[in-house]
Amino acid sequence: MNRTIPFSAVLFFMGLLAISAGCHRSQPSSQSPLVPPDLQEAVNKLVRAVEAFDISHVLDAYADDFTSGTGRSKEEVRRVLTQLQANHVTLKVESAEVEKADPTEAKLKTRMRLRYMDRFRDLGEGEVVVTDILVHTLRKDADGWKIHADERVATYREGRFGQHPPNVEVEVPEKLPSDLHYPVTVVVRRETDTDYQVMVGNYAEDPAILPPPDIVTPLPDDGVLQANLLPNPQGRSEMVRITVIAANPAGKWVGATTVSKLVPGAQRKQKGATQETV
């Protein structure tokens, strides 16, 4: 059974689920705001709907004019939920904290881990793990608490395929710089009698189709590749994607590792809002 899942769909799914952590693993502290009972009830209902993949009730939690940080609409929440329900994605909420809880507006920061199976060319299926940190903005209107906007703070995705997937570390800037290019460092733990090919690229945070890599090159002998990438002209958040393929001396692939990491950039304006989200 083919269970390949587009990474853009996974990113968007992580975003729409950020609110679901509220009643599971909240981490109260002396600085935590008091959560209004009706807000907590709205969170609880959404959690039950998400866990049951009750799509109609999930959509009830979203305002009609909802726009994600990458410009996705409420209707696309339906499409992505349906797709990932069919692919048996699993989700674990590692932490959640209500950062703001006013009478009519709230913000929730959530760290989640998502796992699913994907395929990489002839190497077959492997596990992909995505760790995401997001903030959702909720507002209370005549119909109760609704999600109006979101912001992705951090994303790290790693997929490992084949019998000998390489161990890969990636360093990117904490924020998208205003320079003409920015550095990316790829570190691979070399194994004996193994050749490595590295592919490096960047693209919009939530693309419909992944573009080809900008750089395709053999791994240097010391296992460290230094690369420079061009930021997007708008200065918005983007993903850096690294693929490292390992091959034996005969040229046969024995493993591959893909890593994607968010580089936060400028914030996108939300309709009717004074603030912006990534």
C-alpha atoms as a PDB file:
ATOM      1  CA  MET A   1       0.000   0.000   0.000  1.00  0.00           C
ATOM      2  CA  ASN A   2       1.361   3.402  -0.989  1.00  0.00           C
ATOM      3  CA  ARG A   3       1.324   5.751   1.997  1.00  0.00           C
ATOM      4  CA  THR A   4       3.463   8.563   0.637  1.00  0.00           C
ATOM      5  CA  ILE A   5       2.416  11.862   2.226  1.00  0.00           C
ATOM      6  CA  PRO A   6       3.376  15.287   0.806  1.00  0.00           C
ATOM      7  CA  PHE A   7       5.466  17.220   3.331  1.00  0.00           C
ATOM      8  CA  SER A   8       3.372  20.347   2.706  1.00  0.00           C
ATOM      9  CA  ALA A   9       0.299  18.452   3.894  1.00  0.00           C
ATOM     10  CA  VAL A  10       2.121  17.320   7.029  1.00  0.00           C
ATOM     11  CA  LEU A  11       3.179  20.881   7.843  1.00  0.00           C
ATOM     12  CA  PHE A  12      -0.340  22.173   7.435  1.00  0.00           C
ATOM     13  CA  PHE A  13      -1.762  19.312   9.498  1.00  0.00           C
ATOM     14  CA  MET A  14       0.632  20.141  12.315  1.00  0.00           C
ATOM     15  CA  GLY A  15      -0.584  23.713  12.192  1.00  0.00           C
ATOM     16  CA  LEU A  16      -4.254  22.909  12.360  1.00  0.00           C
ATOM     17  CA  LEU A  17      -3.700  20.553  15.320  1.00  0.00           C
ATOM     18  CA  ALA A  18      -1.721  22.970  17.478  1.00  0.00           C
ATOM     19  CA  ILE A  19      -4.724  23.938  19.568  1.00  0.00           C
ATOM     20  CA  SER A  20      -5.525  20.314  20.417  1.00  0.00           C
ATOM     21  CA  ALA A  21      -2.947  20.128  23.182  1.00  0.00           C
ATOM     22  CA  GLY A  22      -4.807  22.356  25.593  1.00  0.00           C
ATOM     23  CA  CYS A  23      -6.470  19.732  27.750  1.00  0.00           C
ATOM     24  CA  HIS A  24      -3.806  17.014  27.500  1.00  0.00           C
ATOM     25  CA  ARG A  25      -0.362  18.269  28.464  1.00  0.00           C
ATOM     26  CA  SER A  26      -0.668  21.867  29.576  1.00  0.00           C
ATOM     27  CA  GLN A  27       2.259  22.982  31.691  1.00  0.00           C
ATOM     28  CA  PRO A  28       0.898  25.455  34.257  1.00  0.00           C
ATOM     29  CA  SER A  29       3.278  27.826  35.980  1.00  0.00           C
ATOM     30  CA  SER A  30       3.086  30.847  38.225  1.00  0.00           C
ATOM     31  CA  GLN A  31       3.016  33.052  35.103  1.00  0.00           C
ATOM     32  CA  SER A  32       0.366  31.013  33.244  1.00  0.00           C
ATOM     33  CA  PRO A  33      -2.835  32.957  32.548  1.00  0.00           C
ATOM     34  CA  LEU A  34      -6.184  31.830  33.894  1.00  0.00           C
ATOM     35  CA  VAL A  35      -8.012  29.944  31.126  1.00  0.00           C
ATOM     36  CA  PRO A  36     -11.716  30.880  30.819  1.00  0.00           C
ATOM     37  CA  PRO A  37     -13.999  27.844  31.230  1.00  0.00           C
ATOM     38  CA  ASP A  38     -15.654  28.329  27.836  1.00  0.00           C
ATOM     39  CA  LEU A  39     -12.227  28.421  26.153  1.00  0.00           C
ATOM     40  CA  GLN A  40     -11.241  25.194  27.879  1.00  0.00           C
ATOM     41  CA  GLU A  41     -14.524  23.614  26.794  1.00  0.00           C
ATOM     42  CA  ALA A  42     -13.877  24.637  23.180  1.00  0.00           C
ATOM     43  CA  VAL A  43     -10.405  23.109  23.372  1.00  0.00           C
ATOM     44  CA  ASN A  44     -11.764  19.876  24.853  1.00  0.00           C
ATOM     45  CA  LYS A  45     -14.330  19.538  22.066  1.00  0.00           C
ATOM     46  CA  LEU A  46     -11.693  20.097  19.423  1.00  0.00           C
ATOM     47  CA  VAL A  47      -9.391  17.510  20.999  1.00  0.00           C
ATOM     48  CA  ARG A  48     -12.110  14.873  20.891  1.00  0.00           C
ATOM     49  CA  ALA A  49     -12.934  15.717  17.295  1.00  0.00           C
ATOM     50  CA  VAL A  50      -9.300  15.604  16.161  1.00  0.00           C
ATOM     51  CA  GLU A  51      -8.575  12.308  17.890  1.00  0.00           C
ATOM     52  CA  ALA A  52     -11.663  10.767  16.289  1.00  0.00           C
ATOM     53  CA  PHE A  53     -10.947  12.400  12.904  1.00  0.00           C
ATOM     54  CA  ASP A  54     -14.438  13.895  13.184  1.00  0.00           C
ATOM     55  CA  ILE A  55     -13.763  16.382  10.413  1.00  0.00           C
ATOM     56  CA  SER A  56     -17.039  18.305  10.597  1.00  0.00           C
ATOM     57  CA  HIS A  57     -16.545  19.035  14.306  1.00  0.00           C
ATOM     58  CA  VAL A  58     -12.901  19.977  13.757  1.00  0.00           C
ATOM     59  CA  LEU A  59     -14.026  22.547  11.196  1.00  0.00           C
ATOM     60  CA  ASP A  60     -16.500  23.953  13.724  1.00  0.00           C
ATOM     61  CA  ALA A  61     -13.480  25.282  15.657  1.00  0.00           C
ATOM     62  CA  TYR A  62     -12.282  27.405  12.715  1.00  0.00           C
ATOM     63  CA  ALA A  63     -13.531  30.838  11.736  1.00  0.00           C
ATOM     64  CA  ASP A  64     -14.814  31.086   8.172  1.00  0.00           C
ATOM     65  CA  ASP A  65     -12.096  33.631   7.375  1.00  0.00           C
ATOM     66  CA  PHE A  66      -9.305  31.515   8.918  1.00  0.00           C
ATOM     67  CA  THR A  67      -5.986  31.844   7.094  1.00  0.00           C
ATOM     68  CA  SER A  68      -2.938  29.860   8.112  1.00  0.00           C
ATOM     69  CA  GLY A  69       0.474  31.491   8.338  1.00  0.00           C
ATOM     70  CA  THR A  70       1.190  30.246   4.825  1.00  0.00           C
ATOM     71  CA  GLY A  71      -2.105  31.449   3.373  1.00  0.00           C
ATOM     72  CA  ARG A  72      -4.113  28.213   3.584  1.00  0.00           C
ATOM     73  CA  SER A  73      -7.890  28.391   4.044  1.00  0.00           C
ATOM     74  CA  LYS A  74     -10.412  26.588   6.245  1.00  0.00           C
ATOM     75  CA  GLU A  75     -11.484  24.383   3.357  1.00  0.00           C
ATOM     76  CA  GLU A  76      -7.936  23.108   3.028  1.00  0.00           C
ATOM     77  CA  VAL A  77      -8.135  21.923   6.628  1.00  0.00           C
ATOM     78  CA  ARG A  78     -10.823  19.511   5.447  1.00  0.00           C
ATOM     79  CA  ARG A  79      -8.740  18.277   2.532  1.00  0.00           C
ATOM     80  CA  VAL A  80      -5.613  17.667   4.615  1.00  0.00           C
ATOM     81  CA  LEU A  81      -7.488  15.932   7.445  1.00  0.00           C
ATOM     82  CA  THR A  82      -9.096  13.565   4.968  1.00  0.00           C
ATOM     83  CA  GLN A  83      -5.749  12.785   3.357  1.00  0.00           C
ATOM     84  CA  LEU A  84      -3.902  12.115   6.609  1.00  0.00           C
ATOM     85  CA  GLN A  85      -6.732  10.096   8.101  1.00  0.00           C
ATOM     86  CA  ALA A  86      -6.320   7.696   5.195  1.00  0.00           C
ATOM     87  CA  ASN A  87      -2.561   7.441   5.851  1.00  0.00           C
ATOM     88  CA  HIS A  88      -2.799   6.566   9.561  1.00  0.00           C
ATOM     89  CA  VAL A  89      -0.650   9.422  10.836  1.00  0.00           C
ATOM     90  CA  THR A  90       0.066   9.339  14.580  1.00  0.00           C
ATOM     91  CA  LEU A  91       0.465  12.453  16.725  1.00  0.00           C
ATOM     92  CA  LYS A  92       1.861  12.994  20.220  1.00  0.00           C
ATOM     93  CA  VAL A  93       1.546  16.292  22.073  1.00  0.00           C
ATOM     94  CA  GLU A  94       4.742  16.786  24.059  1.00  0.00           C
ATOM     95  CA  SER A  95       3.891  20.104  25.720  1.00  0.00           C
ATOM     96  CA  ALA A  96       1.358  22.923  25.521  1.00  0.00           C
ATOM     97  CA  GLU A  97       1.082  26.279  27.223  1.00  0.00           C
ATOM     98  CA  VAL A  98      -1.575  28.976  27.021  1.00  0.00           C
ATOM     99  CA  GLU A  99       0.520  32.115  26.617  1.00  0.00           C
ATOM    100  CA  LYS A 100      -2.369  34.573  26.550  1.00  0.00           C
ATOM    101  CA  ALA A 101      -5.976  34.325  27.718  1.00  0.00           C
ATOM    102  CA  ASP A 102      -7.951  37.559  27.542  1.00  0.00           C
ATOM    103  CA  PRO A 103     -11.765  37.675  27.608  1.00  0.00           C
ATOM    104  CA  THR A 104     -11.924  37.760  23.801  1.00  0.00           C
ATOM    105  CA  GLU A 105      -8.521  36.562  22.554  1.00  0.00           C
ATOM    106  CA  ALA A 106      -6.171  33.693  23.395  1.00  0.00           C
ATOM    107  CA  LYS A 107      -2.868  32.244  22.219  1.00  0.00           C
ATOM    108  CA  LEU A 108      -1.667  28.673  22.670  1.00  0.00           C
ATOM    109  CA  LYS A 109       1.879  27.429  22.086  1.00  0.00           C
ATOM    110  CA  THR A 110       2.211  23.713  21.420  1.00  0.00           C
ATOM    111  CA  ARG A 111       5.060  21.310  20.758  1.00  0.00           C
ATOM    112  CA  MET A 112       4.070  18.135  18.924  1.00  0.00           C
ATOM    113  CA  ARG A 113       5.648  15.080  17.356  1.00  0.00           C
ATOM    114  CA  LEU A 114       4.105  13.449  14.302  1.00  0.00           C
ATOM    115  CA  ARG A 115       5.104  10.077  12.843  1.00  0.00           C
ATOM    116  CA  TYR A 116       4.211   8.411   9.565  1.00  0.00           C
ATOM    117  CA  MET A 117       5.621   6.087   6.921  1.00  0.00           C
ATOM    118  CA  ASP A 118       6.900   7.433   3.612  1.00  0.00           C
ATOM    119  CA  ARG A 119       8.832   6.073   0.633  1.00  0.00           C
ATOM    120  CA  PHE A 120      12.184   7.060  -0.863  1.00  0.00           C
ATOM    121  CA  ARG A 121      12.731   5.809  -4.398  1.00  0.00           C
ATOM    122  CA  ASP A 122      14.069   2.227  -4.523  1.00  0.00           C
ATOM    123  CA  LEU A 123      14.847   2.152  -0.787  1.00  0.00           C
ATOM    124  CA  GLY A 124      11.209   1.544   0.082  1.00  0.00           C
ATOM    125  CA  GLU A 125       9.388   2.714   3.193  1.00  0.00           C
ATOM    126  CA  GLY A 126      10.925   4.401   6.196  1.00  0.00           C
ATOM    127  CA  GLU A 127       9.714   6.306   9.222  1.00  0.00           C
ATOM    128  CA  VAL A 128       9.429  10.080   9.134  1.00  0.00           C
ATOM    129  CA  VAL A 129       9.318  12.076  12.383  1.00  0.00           C
ATOM    130  CA  VAL A 130       8.259  15.727  12.454  1.00  0.00           C
ATOM    131  CA  THR A 131       8.649  17.945  15.520  1.00  0.00           C
ATOM    132  CA  ASP A 132       6.706  21.198  15.322  1.00  0.00           C
ATOM    133  CA  ILE A 133       6.170  24.225  17.561  1.00  0.00           C
ATOM    134  CA  LEU A 134       3.204  26.434  16.748  1.00  0.00           C
ATOM    135  CA  VAL A 135       1.132  29.286  18.140  1.00  0.00           C
ATOM    136  CA  HIS A 136      -2.584  29.648  17.331  1.00  0.00           C
ATOM    137  CA  THR A 137      -4.647  32.788  17.796  1.00  0.00           C
ATOM    138  CA  LEU A 138      -8.246  32.306  18.966  1.00  0.00           C
ATOM    139  CA  ARG A 139     -10.921  34.964  19.226  1.00  0.00           C
ATOM    140  CA  LYS A 140     -14.282  34.867  20.913  1.00  0.00           C
ATOM    141  CA  ASP A 141     -17.226  36.033  18.851  1.00  0.00           C
ATOM    142  CA  ALA A 142     -20.971  35.441  18.847  1.00  0.00           C
ATOM    143  CA  ASP A 143     -20.418  31.771  17.992  1.00  0.00           C
ATOM    144  CA  GLY A 144     -17.836  31.215  20.726  1.00  0.00           C
ATOM    145  CA  TRP A 145     -14.067  30.678  20.469  1.00  0.00           C
ATOM    146  CA  LYS A 146     -12.759  30.279  16.927  1.00  0.00           C
ATOM    147  CA  ILE A 147      -9.288  29.845  15.434  1.00  0.00           C
ATOM    148  CA  HIS A 148      -8.460  32.815  13.203  1.00  0.00           C
ATOM    149  CA  ALA A 149      -4.714  32.561  12.545  1.00  0.00           C
ATOM    150  CA  ASP A 150      -1.559  30.623  13.290  1.00  0.00           C
ATOM    151  CA  GLU A 151       2.206  31.009  13.392  1.00  0.00           C
ATOM    152  CA  ARG A 152       4.821  28.281  12.996  1.00  0.00           C
ATOM    153  CA  VAL A 153       7.754  28.881  15.356  1.00  0.00           C
ATOM    154  CA  ALA A 154       9.936  25.870  14.505  1.00  0.00           C
ATOM    155  CA  THR A 155       9.844  22.667  12.461  1.00  0.00           C
ATOM    156  CA  TYR A 156      12.292  19.784  12.228  1.00  0.00           C
ATOM    157  CA  ARG A 157      11.587  16.790   9.998  1.00  0.00           C
ATOM    158  CA  GLU A 158      13.753  13.688   9.592  1.00  0.00           C
ATOM    159  CA  GLY A 159      13.108  10.654   7.416  1.00  0.00           C
ATOM    160  CA  ARG A 160      15.329   7.558   7.423  1.00  0.00           C
ATOM    161  CA  PHE A 161      15.229   4.966   4.651  1.00  0.00           C
ATOM    162  CA  GLY A 162      17.059   1.755   3.769  1.00  0.00           C
ATOM    163  CA  GLN A 163      19.273  -0.516   5.861  1.00  0.00           C
ATOM    164  CA  HIS A 164      22.002   2.079   6.506  1.00  0.00           C
ATOM    165  CA  PRO A 165      20.552   5.612   6.606  1.00  0.00           C
ATOM    166  CA  PRO A 166      23.280   8.210   7.244  1.00  0.00           C
ATOM    167  CA  ASN A 167      23.440  10.178  10.504  1.00  0.00           C
ATOM    168  CA  VAL A 168      22.949  13.800   9.487  1.00  0.00           C
ATOM    169  CA  GLU A 169      23.068  17.101  11.383  1.00  0.00           C
ATOM    170  CA  VAL A 170      22.000  20.410   9.851  1.00  0.00           C
ATOM    171  CA  GLU A 171      22.701  23.969  10.985  1.00  0.00           C
ATOM    172  CA  VAL A 172      20.669  26.898   9.640  1.00  0.00           C
ATOM    173  CA  PRO A 173      20.215  30.520  10.820  1.00  0.00           C
ATOM    174  CA  GLU A 174      17.745  31.156  13.638  1.00  0.00           C
ATOM    175  CA  LYS A 175      16.110  33.854  11.485  1.00  0.00           C
ATOM    176  CA  LEU A 176      16.123  34.469   7.759  1.00  0.00           C
ATOM    177  CA  PRO A 177      18.866  37.089   7.208  1.00  0.00           C
ATOM    178  CA  SER A 178      18.521  40.100   4.952  1.00  0.00           C
ATOM    179  CA  ASP A 179      21.803  39.271   3.172  1.00  0.00           C
ATOM    180  CA  LEU A 180      21.942  38.059  -0.433  1.00  0.00           C
ATOM    181  CA  HIS A 181      22.546  34.505   0.801  1.00  0.00           C
ATOM    182  CA  TYR A 182      22.753  32.556   4.045  1.00  0.00           C
ATOM    183  CA  PRO A 183      24.916  29.634   5.203  1.00  0.00           C
ATOM    184  CA  VAL A 184      23.824  26.043   5.729  1.00  0.00           C
ATOM    185  CA  THR A 185      26.111  23.423   7.287  1.00  0.00           C
ATOM    186  CA  VAL A 186      25.570  19.701   6.759  1.00  0.00           C
ATOM    187  CA  VAL A 187      27.510  17.249   8.933  1.00  0.00           C
ATOM    188  CA  VAL A 188      27.464  13.523   8.095  1.00  0.00           C
ATOM    189  CA  ARG A 189      29.044  10.778  10.181  1.00  0.00           C
ATOM    190  CA  ARG A 190      31.050   8.884   7.566  1.00  0.00           C
ATOM    191  CA  GLU A 191      31.141   5.077   7.507  1.00  0.00           C
ATOM    192  CA  THR A 192      33.910   3.026   5.888  1.00  0.00           C
ATOM    193  CA  ASP A 193      33.455   1.824   2.297  1.00  0.00           C
ATOM    194  CA  THR A 194      30.537   4.200   1.804  1.00  0.00           C
ATOM    195  CA  ASP A 195      30.101   7.076  -0.645  1.00  0.00           C
ATOM    196  CA  TYR A 196      27.703   9.938  -0.003  1.00  0.00           C
ATOM    197  CA  GLN A 197      25.804  12.330  -2.230  1.00  0.00           C
ATOM    198  CA  VAL A 198      24.287  15.465  -0.714  1.00  0.00           C
ATOM    199  CA  MET A 199      21.379  17.508  -2.060  1.00  0.00           C
ATOM    200  CA  VAL A 200      20.559  20.913  -0.566  1.00  0.00           C
ATOM    201  CA  GLY A 201      17.689  23.251  -1.359  1.00  0.00           C
ATOM    202  CA  ASN A 202      15.215  25.718   0.104  1.00  0.00           C
ATOM    203  CA  TYR A 203      11.642  26.577  -0.728  1.00  0.00           C
ATOM    204  CA  ALA A 204       8.503  28.287   0.514  1.00  0.00           C
ATOM    205  CA  GLU A 205       7.307  27.045   3.901  1.00  0.00           C
ATOM    206  CA  ASP A 206       4.222  25.261   2.571  1.00  0.00           C
ATOM    207  CA  PRO A 207       4.655  24.514  -1.172  1.00  0.00           C
ATOM    208  CA  ALA A 208       2.207  22.586  -3.308  1.00  0.00           C
ATOM    209  CA  ILE A 209       5.096  20.740  -4.998  1.00  0.00           C
ATOM    210  CA  LEU A 210       8.672  20.398  -3.731  1.00  0.00           C
ATOM    211  CA  PRO A 211      11.157  22.016  -6.137  1.00  0.00           C
ATOM    212  CA  PRO A 212      14.400  20.299  -7.184  1.00  0.00           C
ATOM    213  CA  PRO A 213      17.489  20.898  -4.989  1.00  0.00           C
ATOM    214  CA  ASP A 214      19.764  23.842  -5.672  1.00  0.00           C
ATOM    215  CA  ILE A 215      22.952  21.914  -4.889  1.00  0.00           C
ATOM    216  CA  VAL A 216      23.850  18.282  -5.721  1.00  0.00           C
ATOM    217  CA  THR A 217      27.391  17.293  -4.771  1.00  0.00           C
ATOM    218  CA  PRO A 218      29.538  14.516  -3.246  1.00  0.00           C
ATOM    219  CA  LEU A 219      30.152  14.839   0.482  1.00  0.00           C
ATOM    220  CA  PRO A 220      33.604  16.306   1.290  1.00  0.00           C
ATOM    221  CA  ASP A 221      36.134  13.909   2.814  1.00  0.00           C
ATOM    222  CA  ASP A 222      35.802  15.458   6.275  1.00  0.00           C
ATOM    223  CA  GLY A 223      32.037  14.863   6.282  1.00  0.00           C
ATOM    224  CA  VAL A 224      31.156  18.568   6.444  1.00  0.00           C
ATOM    225  CA  LEU A 225      29.455  20.438   3.594  1.00  0.00           C
ATOM    226  CA  GLN A 226      29.223  24.233   3.713  1.00  0.00           C
ATOM    227  CA  ALA A 227      26.611  25.691   1.352  1.00  0.00           C
ATOM    228  CA  ASN A 228      25.040  29.084   0.674  1.00  0.00           C
ATOM    229  CA  LEU A 229      21.368  29.465  -0.255  1.00  0.00           C
ATOM    230  CA  LEU A 230      19.456  32.418  -1.681  1.00  0.00           C
ATOM    231  CA  PRO A 231      16.537  33.555   0.505  1.00  0.00           C
ATOM    232  CA  ASN A 232      13.128  34.186  -1.037  1.00  0.00           C
ATOM    233  CA  PRO A 233      12.671  37.804  -2.237  1.00  0.00           C
ATOM    234  CA  GLN A 234       9.767  38.438   0.168  1.00  0.00           C
ATOM    235  CA  GLY A 235      11.883  37.440   3.176  1.00  0.00           C
ATOM    236  CA  ARG A 236       9.210  35.041   4.439  1.00  0.00           C
ATOM    237  CA  SER A 237       9.721  31.795   6.312  1.00  0.00           C
ATOM    238  CA  GLU A 238      11.144  28.956   4.276  1.00  0.00           C
ATOM    239  CA  MET A 239      12.259  25.363   4.679  1.00  0.00           C
ATOM    240  CA  VAL A 240      15.795  24.104   4.140  1.00  0.00           C
ATOM    241  CA  ARG A 241      15.749  20.502   2.920  1.00  0.00           C
ATOM    242  CA  ILE A 242      18.789  18.210   2.966  1.00  0.00           C
ATOM    243  CA  THR A 243      18.959  14.750   1.397  1.00  0.00           C
ATOM    244  CA  VAL A 244      21.994  12.499   1.957  1.00  0.00           C
ATOM    245  CA  ILE A 245      22.208   9.232  -0.003  1.00  0.00           C
ATOM    246  CA  ALA A 246      24.669   6.506   1.020  1.00  0.00           C
ATOM    247  CA  ALA A 247      26.012   3.992  -1.530  1.00  0.00           C
ATOM    248  CA  ASN A 248      28.366   1.023  -1.349  1.00  0.00           C
ATOM    249  CA  PRO A 249      31.557   0.824  -3.484  1.00  0.00           C
ATOM    250  CA  ALA A 250      29.553  -0.763  -6.323  1.00  0.00           C
ATOM    251  CA  GLY A 251      27.291   2.292  -6.431  1.00  0.00           C
ATOM    252  CA  LYS A 252      24.213   0.604  -4.954  1.00  0.00           C
ATOM    253  CA  TRP A 253      22.178   2.725  -2.586  1.00  0.00           C
ATOM    254  CA  VAL A 254      22.145   1.383   0.981  1.00  0.00           C
ATOM    255  CA  GLY A 255      20.389   4.219   2.783  1.00  0.00           C
ATOM    256  CA  ALA A 256      19.117   7.783   2.678  1.00  0.00           C
ATOM    257  CA  THR A 257      18.232  10.449   5.216  1.00  0.00           C
ATOM    258  CA  THR A 258      16.142  13.545   4.549  1.00  0.00           C
ATOM    259  CA  VAL A 259      16.120  16.501   6.930  1.00  0.00           C
ATOM    260  CA  SER A 260      13.961  19.619   6.687  1.00  0.00           C
ATOM    261  CA  LYS A 261      14.315  22.592   9.011  1.00  0.00           C
ATOM    262  CA  LEU A 262      12.379  25.848   9.235  1.00  0.00           C
ATOM    263  CA  VAL A 263      14.129  29.210   8.864  1.00  0.00           C
ATOM    264  CA  PRO A 264      11.641  31.786  10.260  1.00  0.00           C
ATOM    265  CA  GLY A 265      11.309  34.956   8.209  1.00  0.00           C
ATOM    266  CA  ALA A 266       9.037  37.958   7.934  1.00  0.00           C
ATOM    267  CA  GLN A 267       5.441  37.691   9.046  1.00  0.00           C
ATOM    268  CA  ARG A 268       2.428  37.465   6.767  1.00  0.00           C
ATOM    269  CA  LYS A 269      -0.390  39.995   7.244  1.00  0.00           C
ATOM    270  CA  GLN A 270      -3.719  38.509   8.299  1.00  0.00           C
ATOM    271  CA  LYS A 271      -6.939  40.002   6.958  1.00  0.00           C
ATOM    272  CA  GLY A 272      -8.508  42.425   9.378  1.00  0.00           C
ATOM    273  CA  ALA A 273      -5.678  42.029  11.899  1.00  0.00           C
ATOM    274  CA  THR A 274      -3.223  44.518  13.288  1.00  0.00           C
ATOM    275  CA  GLN A 275      -0.639  41.800  13.856  1.00  0.00           C
ATOM    276  CA  GLU A 276       0.948  39.429  11.393  1.00  0.00           C
ATOM    277  CA  THR A 277       1.814  35.752  11.396  1.00  0.00           C
ATOM    278  CA  VAL A 278       4.552  33.807   9.675  1.00  0.00           C
END
